[in-house]
Amino acid sequence: MSVINILWISLTCIGSYLLGSIPFSILLGRIFKGEDVRNHHTGNPGGFNAIRTLGLTIGITVLFLDILKGVITIFLIDQFYSRPYFVSESGSNSYHTSMCIVGAALVVLGHNYSVYIKFNGGQGLSVFMGALLYMNPIVFIFYAATYIFLVSVIKLSNRIAGLIIVILCIPVALFLPLAPPWAHILNDWVAGGSGFLYVTQGLVVLAMSLVLLSSMLKNVIVKSRIGIEKMTEVG
């Protein structure tokens, strides 16, 4: 691997993380409402808490911008690493494949563990949705429809519904056909001559899911610790 390739990979990783780290809910809350969403309701600096705290207009804007983080990251990686420079003589493109996986994970990591707010952050579900939207709109539609069903019909909480769908999206991504943006790299992404498994697509979702699950686990531990401390103070 050449020095220039190492440089491009390093810039991609850092850029993906820093883009994901931008706390739009906090920025827009302070600019338009003079409020910090972390001081209200769930205390989560994400789009869903922004809707409850800052109102529908600003909250939807935050949600849109968070989704855009995922879209932009995967879009830029796809466009840049699809250049002939990164394609091997055999026609494969391991740079494109690996950076889609790593970049997707890092943009979610940045959102959940933002360097700008002392490595705290949101749940990452909106960024996850953005990456899905560009990678495969069919998987995105599955995510959105299932989420609406679980929250509206089954009446699950946003966090539980998100956890269930994130896990379900992994096998779904393995078997659903690839969206048009990826048509030129099927050799790197598909296992089996007939395209039975879309391995890299599944790995992209898996990488993001692991980051989401780690964040959810951290939130559970933190809330449990706070609850124990409050019980100790009362006792």
C-alpha atoms as a PDB file:
ATOM      1  CA  MET A   1       0.000   0.000   0.000  1.00  0.00           C
ATOM      2  CA  SER A   2       1.435   3.366  -1.027  1.00  0.00           C
ATOM      3  CA  VAL A   3       1.793   6.400   1.211  1.00  0.00           C
ATOM      4  CA  ILE A   4      -0.830   8.306  -0.784  1.00  0.00           C
ATOM      5  CA  ASN A   5      -3.343   5.486  -0.265  1.00  0.00           C
ATOM      6  CA  ILE A   6      -2.663   5.493   3.470  1.00  0.00           C
ATOM      7  CA  LEU A   7      -3.239   9.251   3.445  1.00  0.00           C
ATOM      8  CA  TRP A   8      -6.578   8.907   1.625  1.00  0.00           C
ATOM      9  CA  ILE A   9      -7.729   6.175   4.001  1.00  0.00           C
ATOM     10  CA  SER A  10      -6.709   8.234   7.047  1.00  0.00           C
ATOM     11  CA  LEU A  11      -8.524  11.321   5.758  1.00  0.00           C
ATOM     12  CA  THR A  12     -11.628   9.245   4.997  1.00  0.00           C
ATOM     13  CA  CYS A  13     -11.689   7.776   8.503  1.00  0.00           C
ATOM     14  CA  ILE A  14     -11.115  11.109  10.245  1.00  0.00           C
ATOM     15  CA  GLY A  15     -13.580  12.917   7.965  1.00  0.00           C
ATOM     16  CA  SER A  16     -16.300  10.300   8.507  1.00  0.00           C
ATOM     17  CA  TYR A  17     -15.936  10.506  12.272  1.00  0.00           C
ATOM     18  CA  LEU A  18     -15.837  14.326  12.404  1.00  0.00           C
ATOM     19  CA  LEU A  19     -18.857  14.664  10.107  1.00  0.00           C
ATOM     20  CA  GLY A  20     -20.795  12.253  12.294  1.00  0.00           C
ATOM     21  CA  SER A  21     -19.709  14.192  15.394  1.00  0.00           C
ATOM     22  CA  ILE A  22     -21.442  17.447  14.435  1.00  0.00           C
ATOM     23  CA  PRO A  23     -24.173  17.887  17.131  1.00  0.00           C
ATOM     24  CA  PHE A  24     -26.885  19.551  15.059  1.00  0.00           C
ATOM     25  CA  SER A  25     -29.502  19.260  17.811  1.00  0.00           C
ATOM     26  CA  ILE A  26     -27.340  21.241  20.224  1.00  0.00           C
ATOM     27  CA  LEU A  27     -26.262  23.812  17.621  1.00  0.00           C
ATOM     28  CA  LEU A  28     -29.774  24.527  16.305  1.00  0.00           C
ATOM     29  CA  GLY A  29     -31.239  24.447  19.806  1.00  0.00           C
ATOM     30  CA  ARG A  30     -28.861  27.124  21.017  1.00  0.00           C
ATOM     31  CA  ILE A  31     -29.150  29.247  17.857  1.00  0.00           C
ATOM     32  CA  PHE A  32     -32.952  29.283  17.493  1.00  0.00           C
ATOM     33  CA  LYS A  33     -34.274  28.516  20.974  1.00  0.00           C
ATOM     34  CA  GLY A  34     -31.438  29.269  23.367  1.00  0.00           C
ATOM     35  CA  GLU A  35     -31.940  25.755  24.748  1.00  0.00           C
ATOM     36  CA  ASP A  36     -29.697  22.748  25.221  1.00  0.00           C
ATOM     37  CA  VAL A  37     -31.653  19.574  24.387  1.00  0.00           C
ATOM     38  CA  ARG A  38     -29.512  17.659  26.878  1.00  0.00           C
ATOM     39  CA  ASN A  39     -31.302  19.459  29.698  1.00  0.00           C
ATOM     40  CA  HIS A  40     -34.760  18.282  28.661  1.00  0.00           C
ATOM     41  CA  HIS A  41     -36.783  15.055  28.468  1.00  0.00           C
ATOM     42  CA  THR A  42     -34.452  12.093  27.741  1.00  0.00           C
ATOM     43  CA  GLY A  43     -31.359  14.300  27.696  1.00  0.00           C
ATOM     44  CA  ASN A  44     -30.335  12.656  24.436  1.00  0.00           C
ATOM     45  CA  PRO A  45     -28.770  15.054  21.877  1.00  0.00           C
ATOM     46  CA  GLY A  46     -30.482  13.374  18.938  1.00  0.00           C
ATOM     47  CA  GLY A  47     -33.241  14.144  16.470  1.00  0.00           C
ATOM     48  CA  PHE A  48     -36.117  12.514  18.357  1.00  0.00           C
ATOM     49  CA  ASN A  49     -35.421  14.415  21.573  1.00  0.00           C
ATOM     50  CA  ALA A  50     -34.952  17.580  19.499  1.00  0.00           C
ATOM     51  CA  ILE A  51     -38.501  17.201  18.163  1.00  0.00           C
ATOM     52  CA  ARG A  52     -39.888  16.960  21.714  1.00  0.00           C
ATOM     53  CA  THR A  53     -37.731  19.787  23.049  1.00  0.00           C
ATOM     54  CA  LEU A  54     -37.368  22.271  20.198  1.00  0.00           C
ATOM     55  CA  GLY A  55     -40.617  21.754  18.327  1.00  0.00           C
ATOM     56  CA  LEU A  56     -41.547  19.992  15.122  1.00  0.00           C
ATOM     57  CA  THR A  57     -39.923  22.390  12.640  1.00  0.00           C
ATOM     58  CA  ILE A  58     -36.476  22.533  14.245  1.00  0.00           C
ATOM     59  CA  GLY A  59     -36.656  18.895  15.351  1.00  0.00           C
ATOM     60  CA  ILE A  60     -37.407  17.641  11.834  1.00  0.00           C
ATOM     61  CA  THR A  61     -34.582  19.822  10.521  1.00  0.00           C
ATOM     62  CA  VAL A  62     -32.195  18.220  13.023  1.00  0.00           C
ATOM     63  CA  LEU A  63     -33.428  14.763  12.041  1.00  0.00           C
ATOM     64  CA  PHE A  64     -32.934  15.585   8.356  1.00  0.00           C
ATOM     65  CA  LEU A  65     -29.399  16.871   8.948  1.00  0.00           C
ATOM     66  CA  ASP A  66     -28.500  13.777  10.972  1.00  0.00           C
ATOM     67  CA  ILE A  67     -29.816  11.535   8.185  1.00  0.00           C
ATOM     68  CA  LEU A  68     -27.780  13.614   5.743  1.00  0.00           C
ATOM     69  CA  LYS A  69     -24.608  12.720   7.665  1.00  0.00           C
ATOM     70  CA  GLY A  70     -25.034   9.079   6.681  1.00  0.00           C
ATOM     71  CA  VAL A  71     -26.031   9.867   3.097  1.00  0.00           C
ATOM     72  CA  ILE A  72     -23.110  12.237   2.472  1.00  0.00           C
ATOM     73  CA  THR A  73     -20.523   9.928   4.019  1.00  0.00           C
ATOM     74  CA  ILE A  74     -21.435   6.877   1.949  1.00  0.00           C
ATOM     75  CA  PHE A  75     -22.007   8.988  -1.174  1.00  0.00           C
ATOM     76  CA  LEU A  76     -18.554  10.590  -1.005  1.00  0.00           C
ATOM     77  CA  ILE A  77     -16.840   7.273  -0.283  1.00  0.00           C
ATOM     78  CA  ASP A  78     -18.685   5.595  -3.153  1.00  0.00           C
ATOM     79  CA  GLN A  79     -17.848   8.346  -5.626  1.00  0.00           C
ATOM     80  CA  PHE A  80     -14.215   8.811  -4.606  1.00  0.00           C
ATOM     81  CA  TYR A  81     -13.158   5.180  -4.229  1.00  0.00           C
ATOM     82  CA  SER A  82     -14.899   4.175  -7.470  1.00  0.00           C
ATOM     83  CA  ARG A  83     -12.223   6.021  -9.444  1.00  0.00           C
ATOM     84  CA  PRO A  84     -10.066   3.835 -11.751  1.00  0.00           C
ATOM     85  CA  TYR A  85      -7.033   4.558  -9.552  1.00  0.00           C
ATOM     86  CA  PHE A  86      -8.387   2.243  -6.832  1.00  0.00           C
ATOM     87  CA  VAL A  87      -9.515  -0.566  -9.153  1.00  0.00           C
ATOM     88  CA  SER A  88      -7.115  -3.511  -9.453  1.00  0.00           C
ATOM     89  CA  GLU A  89      -6.174  -5.202 -12.715  1.00  0.00           C
ATOM     90  CA  SER A  90      -8.630  -8.007 -11.964  1.00  0.00           C
ATOM     91  CA  GLY A  91     -11.463  -5.484 -11.705  1.00  0.00           C
ATOM     92  CA  SER A  92     -11.918  -5.742  -7.945  1.00  0.00           C
ATOM     93  CA  ASN A  93     -11.858  -2.724  -5.660  1.00  0.00           C
ATOM     94  CA  SER A  94     -11.010  -3.655  -2.088  1.00  0.00           C
ATOM     95  CA  TYR A  95     -10.496   0.015  -1.148  1.00  0.00           C
ATOM     96  CA  HIS A  96     -14.075   0.880  -2.039  1.00  0.00           C
ATOM     97  CA  THR A  97     -15.442  -2.167  -0.244  1.00  0.00           C
ATOM     98  CA  SER A  98     -13.460  -1.717   2.970  1.00  0.00           C
ATOM     99  CA  MET A  99     -13.953   2.043   3.216  1.00  0.00           C
ATOM    100  CA  CYS A 100     -17.725   1.747   2.792  1.00  0.00           C
ATOM    101  CA  ILE A 101     -17.758  -0.569   5.800  1.00  0.00           C
ATOM    102  CA  VAL A 102     -15.351   1.478   7.919  1.00  0.00           C
ATOM    103  CA  GLY A 103     -16.769   4.870   6.906  1.00  0.00           C
ATOM    104  CA  ALA A 104     -20.327   3.835   7.727  1.00  0.00           C
ATOM    105  CA  ALA A 105     -19.267   2.630  11.170  1.00  0.00           C
ATOM    106  CA  LEU A 106     -17.244   5.770  11.878  1.00  0.00           C
ATOM    107  CA  VAL A 107     -19.966   8.263  10.956  1.00  0.00           C
ATOM    108  CA  VAL A 108     -22.331   6.505  13.392  1.00  0.00           C
ATOM    109  CA  LEU A 109     -19.533   6.344  15.980  1.00  0.00           C
ATOM    110  CA  GLY A 110     -18.996  10.089  15.617  1.00  0.00           C
ATOM    111  CA  HIS A 111     -22.681  10.794  16.171  1.00  0.00           C
ATOM    112  CA  ASN A 112     -22.860   8.566  19.255  1.00  0.00           C
ATOM    113  CA  TYR A 113     -19.483   9.547  20.720  1.00  0.00           C
ATOM    114  CA  SER A 114     -18.968  13.099  19.495  1.00  0.00           C
ATOM    115  CA  VAL A 115     -15.582  14.670  20.119  1.00  0.00           C
ATOM    116  CA  TYR A 116     -17.325  18.064  20.294  1.00  0.00           C
ATOM    117  CA  ILE A 117     -19.447  17.155  23.344  1.00  0.00           C
ATOM    118  CA  LYS A 118     -17.000  15.105  25.424  1.00  0.00           C
ATOM    119  CA  PHE A 119     -17.652  11.852  23.544  1.00  0.00           C
ATOM    120  CA  ASN A 120     -21.367  11.802  24.289  1.00  0.00           C
ATOM    121  CA  GLY A 121     -24.063  11.766  21.627  1.00  0.00           C
ATOM    122  CA  GLY A 122     -27.348  10.500  20.282  1.00  0.00           C
ATOM    123  CA  GLN A 123     -28.565   6.991  19.521  1.00  0.00           C
ATOM    124  CA  GLY A 124     -27.318   7.082  15.922  1.00  0.00           C
ATOM    125  CA  LEU A 125     -30.525   5.719  14.393  1.00  0.00           C
ATOM    126  CA  SER A 126     -30.990   8.681  12.044  1.00  0.00           C
ATOM    127  CA  VAL A 127     -27.404   8.418  10.767  1.00  0.00           C
ATOM    128  CA  PHE A 128     -27.952   4.686  10.323  1.00  0.00           C
ATOM    129  CA  MET A 129     -31.049   5.491   8.255  1.00  0.00           C
ATOM    130  CA  GLY A 130     -29.092   7.926   6.085  1.00  0.00           C
ATOM    131  CA  ALA A 131     -26.445   5.349   5.242  1.00  0.00           C
ATOM    132  CA  LEU A 132     -29.183   2.840   4.382  1.00  0.00           C
ATOM    133  CA  LEU A 133     -30.968   5.378   2.194  1.00  0.00           C
ATOM    134  CA  TYR A 134     -27.977   5.736  -0.126  1.00  0.00           C
ATOM    135  CA  MET A 135     -26.688   2.177   0.118  1.00  0.00           C
ATOM    136  CA  ASN A 136     -29.979   0.438  -0.576  1.00  0.00           C
ATOM    137  CA  PRO A 137     -33.340   2.270  -0.546  1.00  0.00           C
ATOM    138  CA  ILE A 138     -35.115  -1.106  -0.268  1.00  0.00           C
ATOM    139  CA  VAL A 139     -33.451  -1.773   3.101  1.00  0.00           C
ATOM    140  CA  PHE A 140     -34.243   1.806   4.115  1.00  0.00           C
ATOM    141  CA  ILE A 141     -37.946   1.309   3.301  1.00  0.00           C
ATOM    142  CA  PHE A 142     -37.934  -1.910   5.340  1.00  0.00           C
ATOM    143  CA  TYR A 143     -36.363  -0.026   8.261  1.00  0.00           C
ATOM    144  CA  ALA A 144     -38.798   2.906   8.094  1.00  0.00           C
ATOM    145  CA  ALA A 145     -41.931   0.758   7.660  1.00  0.00           C
ATOM    146  CA  THR A 146     -40.969  -1.622  10.469  1.00  0.00           C
ATOM    147  CA  TYR A 147     -40.090   1.263  12.780  1.00  0.00           C
ATOM    148  CA  ILE A 148     -43.447   2.969  12.201  1.00  0.00           C
ATOM    149  CA  PHE A 149     -45.252  -0.337  12.803  1.00  0.00           C
ATOM    150  CA  LEU A 150     -43.415  -1.081  16.058  1.00  0.00           C
ATOM    151  CA  VAL A 151     -43.845   2.421  17.462  1.00  0.00           C
ATOM    152  CA  SER A 152     -47.355   3.235  16.219  1.00  0.00           C
ATOM    153  CA  VAL A 153     -49.069  -0.155  16.322  1.00  0.00           C
ATOM    154  CA  ILE A 154     -47.129  -2.267  18.843  1.00  0.00           C
ATOM    155  CA  LYS A 155     -46.465   0.861  20.967  1.00  0.00           C
ATOM    156  CA  LEU A 156     -42.816   0.106  21.667  1.00  0.00           C
ATOM    157  CA  SER A 157     -40.466   2.853  22.774  1.00  0.00           C
ATOM    158  CA  ASN A 158     -38.179   4.501  20.214  1.00  0.00           C
ATOM    159  CA  ARG A 159     -35.138   2.842  21.789  1.00  0.00           C
ATOM    160  CA  ILE A 160     -36.569  -0.702  21.844  1.00  0.00           C
ATOM    161  CA  ALA A 161     -38.016  -0.370  18.333  1.00  0.00           C
ATOM    162  CA  GLY A 162     -34.682   0.906  17.057  1.00  0.00           C
ATOM    163  CA  LEU A 163     -32.818  -1.984  18.678  1.00  0.00           C
ATOM    164  CA  ILE A 164     -35.113  -4.581  17.108  1.00  0.00           C
ATOM    165  CA  ILE A 165     -34.920  -3.071  13.630  1.00  0.00           C
ATOM    166  CA  VAL A 166     -31.139  -2.655  13.724  1.00  0.00           C
ATOM    167  CA  ILE A 167     -30.793  -6.367  14.424  1.00  0.00           C
ATOM    168  CA  LEU A 168     -33.361  -7.307  11.751  1.00  0.00           C
ATOM    169  CA  CYS A 169     -31.640  -5.156   9.121  1.00  0.00           C
ATOM    170  CA  ILE A 170     -28.506  -7.341   9.186  1.00  0.00           C
ATOM    171  CA  PRO A 171     -30.068 -10.481   7.620  1.00  0.00           C
ATOM    172  CA  VAL A 172     -32.299  -8.331   5.404  1.00  0.00           C
ATOM    173  CA  ALA A 173     -29.248  -6.559   3.937  1.00  0.00           C
ATOM    174  CA  LEU A 174     -27.599  -9.914   3.225  1.00  0.00           C
ATOM    175  CA  PHE A 175     -30.392 -11.070   0.933  1.00  0.00           C
ATOM    176  CA  LEU A 176     -32.015  -7.987  -0.594  1.00  0.00           C
ATOM    177  CA  PRO A 177     -30.780  -7.049  -4.106  1.00  0.00           C
ATOM    178  CA  LEU A 178     -28.299  -4.223  -4.358  1.00  0.00           C
ATOM    179  CA  ALA A 179     -29.475  -0.755  -5.273  1.00  0.00           C
ATOM    180  CA  PRO A 180     -28.309   0.893  -8.541  1.00  0.00           C
ATOM    181  CA  PRO A 181     -25.411   2.908  -7.026  1.00  0.00           C
ATOM    182  CA  TRP A 182     -23.526  -0.325  -6.389  1.00  0.00           C
ATOM    183  CA  ALA A 183     -24.055  -2.036  -9.751  1.00  0.00           C
ATOM    184  CA  HIS A 184     -20.461  -1.487 -10.870  1.00  0.00           C
ATOM    185  CA  ILE A 185     -18.868  -3.346  -7.936  1.00  0.00           C
ATOM    186  CA  LEU A 186     -20.940  -6.514  -7.725  1.00  0.00           C
ATOM    187  CA  ASN A 187     -17.801  -8.692  -7.904  1.00  0.00           C
ATOM    188  CA  ASP A 188     -16.610  -7.282  -4.592  1.00  0.00           C
ATOM    189  CA  TRP A 189     -19.970  -7.309  -2.859  1.00  0.00           C
ATOM    190  CA  VAL A 190     -21.693 -10.526  -3.867  1.00  0.00           C
ATOM    191  CA  ALA A 191     -20.990 -14.112  -2.805  1.00  0.00           C
ATOM    192  CA  GLY A 192     -21.989 -16.891  -5.169  1.00  0.00           C
ATOM    193  CA  GLY A 193     -22.320 -16.757  -8.929  1.00  0.00           C
ATOM    194  CA  SER A 194     -26.031 -15.969  -8.786  1.00  0.00           C
ATOM    195  CA  GLY A 195     -25.640 -13.239  -6.187  1.00  0.00           C
ATOM    196  CA  PHE A 196     -27.116 -15.264  -3.349  1.00  0.00           C
ATOM    197  CA  LEU A 197     -25.519 -13.256  -0.552  1.00  0.00           C
ATOM    198  CA  TYR A 198     -24.772  -9.543  -0.629  1.00  0.00           C
ATOM    199  CA  VAL A 199     -21.947  -9.918   1.855  1.00  0.00           C
ATOM    200  CA  THR A 200     -20.483  -6.422   1.933  1.00  0.00           C
ATOM    201  CA  GLN A 201     -23.903  -4.821   2.152  1.00  0.00           C
ATOM    202  CA  GLY A 202     -24.548  -7.000   5.189  1.00  0.00           C
ATOM    203  CA  LEU A 203     -21.148  -6.093   6.648  1.00  0.00           C
ATOM    204  CA  VAL A 204     -21.868  -2.370   6.264  1.00  0.00           C
ATOM    205  CA  VAL A 205     -25.076  -2.796   8.252  1.00  0.00           C
ATOM    206  CA  LEU A 206     -23.349  -5.076  10.780  1.00  0.00           C
ATOM    207  CA  ALA A 207     -20.559  -2.544  11.372  1.00  0.00           C
ATOM    208  CA  MET A 208     -23.051   0.245  12.034  1.00  0.00           C
ATOM    209  CA  SER A 209     -25.195  -2.059  14.179  1.00  0.00           C
ATOM    210  CA  LEU A 210     -22.288  -2.919  16.469  1.00  0.00           C
ATOM    211  CA  VAL A 211     -21.669   0.776  17.111  1.00  0.00           C
ATOM    212  CA  LEU A 212     -25.370   1.353  17.783  1.00  0.00           C
ATOM    213  CA  LEU A 213     -25.574  -1.602  20.142  1.00  0.00           C
ATOM    214  CA  SER A 214     -22.504  -0.429  22.067  1.00  0.00           C
ATOM    215  CA  SER A 215     -24.100   2.993  22.508  1.00  0.00           C
ATOM    216  CA  MET A 216     -27.405   1.486  23.646  1.00  0.00           C
ATOM    217  CA  LEU A 217     -25.567  -0.712  26.139  1.00  0.00           C
ATOM    218  CA  LYS A 218     -23.660   2.296  27.446  1.00  0.00           C
ATOM    219  CA  ASN A 219     -26.914   4.214  27.967  1.00  0.00           C
ATOM    220  CA  VAL A 220     -28.434   1.289  29.876  1.00  0.00           C
ATOM    221  CA  ILE A 221     -25.373   1.069  32.139  1.00  0.00           C
ATOM    222  CA  VAL A 222     -25.323   4.827  32.759  1.00  0.00           C
ATOM    223  CA  LYS A 223     -29.046   4.953  33.589  1.00  0.00           C
ATOM    224  CA  SER A 224     -28.714   1.950  35.882  1.00  0.00           C
ATOM    225  CA  ARG A 225     -25.815   3.601  37.683  1.00  0.00           C
ATOM    226  CA  ILE A 226     -27.810   6.849  38.095  1.00  0.00           C
ATOM    227  CA  GLY A 227     -30.765   4.883  39.432  1.00  0.00           C
ATOM    228  CA  ILE A 228     -28.576   3.099  41.996  1.00  0.00           C
ATOM    229  CA  GLU A 229     -27.025   6.401  43.087  1.00  0.00           C
ATOM    230  CA  LYS A 230     -30.476   7.969  43.587  1.00  0.00           C
ATOM    231  CA  MET A 231     -31.635   4.959  45.618  1.00  0.00           C
ATOM    232  CA  THR A 232     -28.503   5.221  47.753  1.00  0.00           C
ATOM    233  CA  GLU A 233     -29.118   8.937  48.370  1.00  0.00           C
ATOM    234  CA  VAL A 234     -32.722   8.276  49.391  1.00  0.00           C
ATOM    235  CA  GLY A 235     -31.669   5.426  51.647  1.00  0.00           C
END
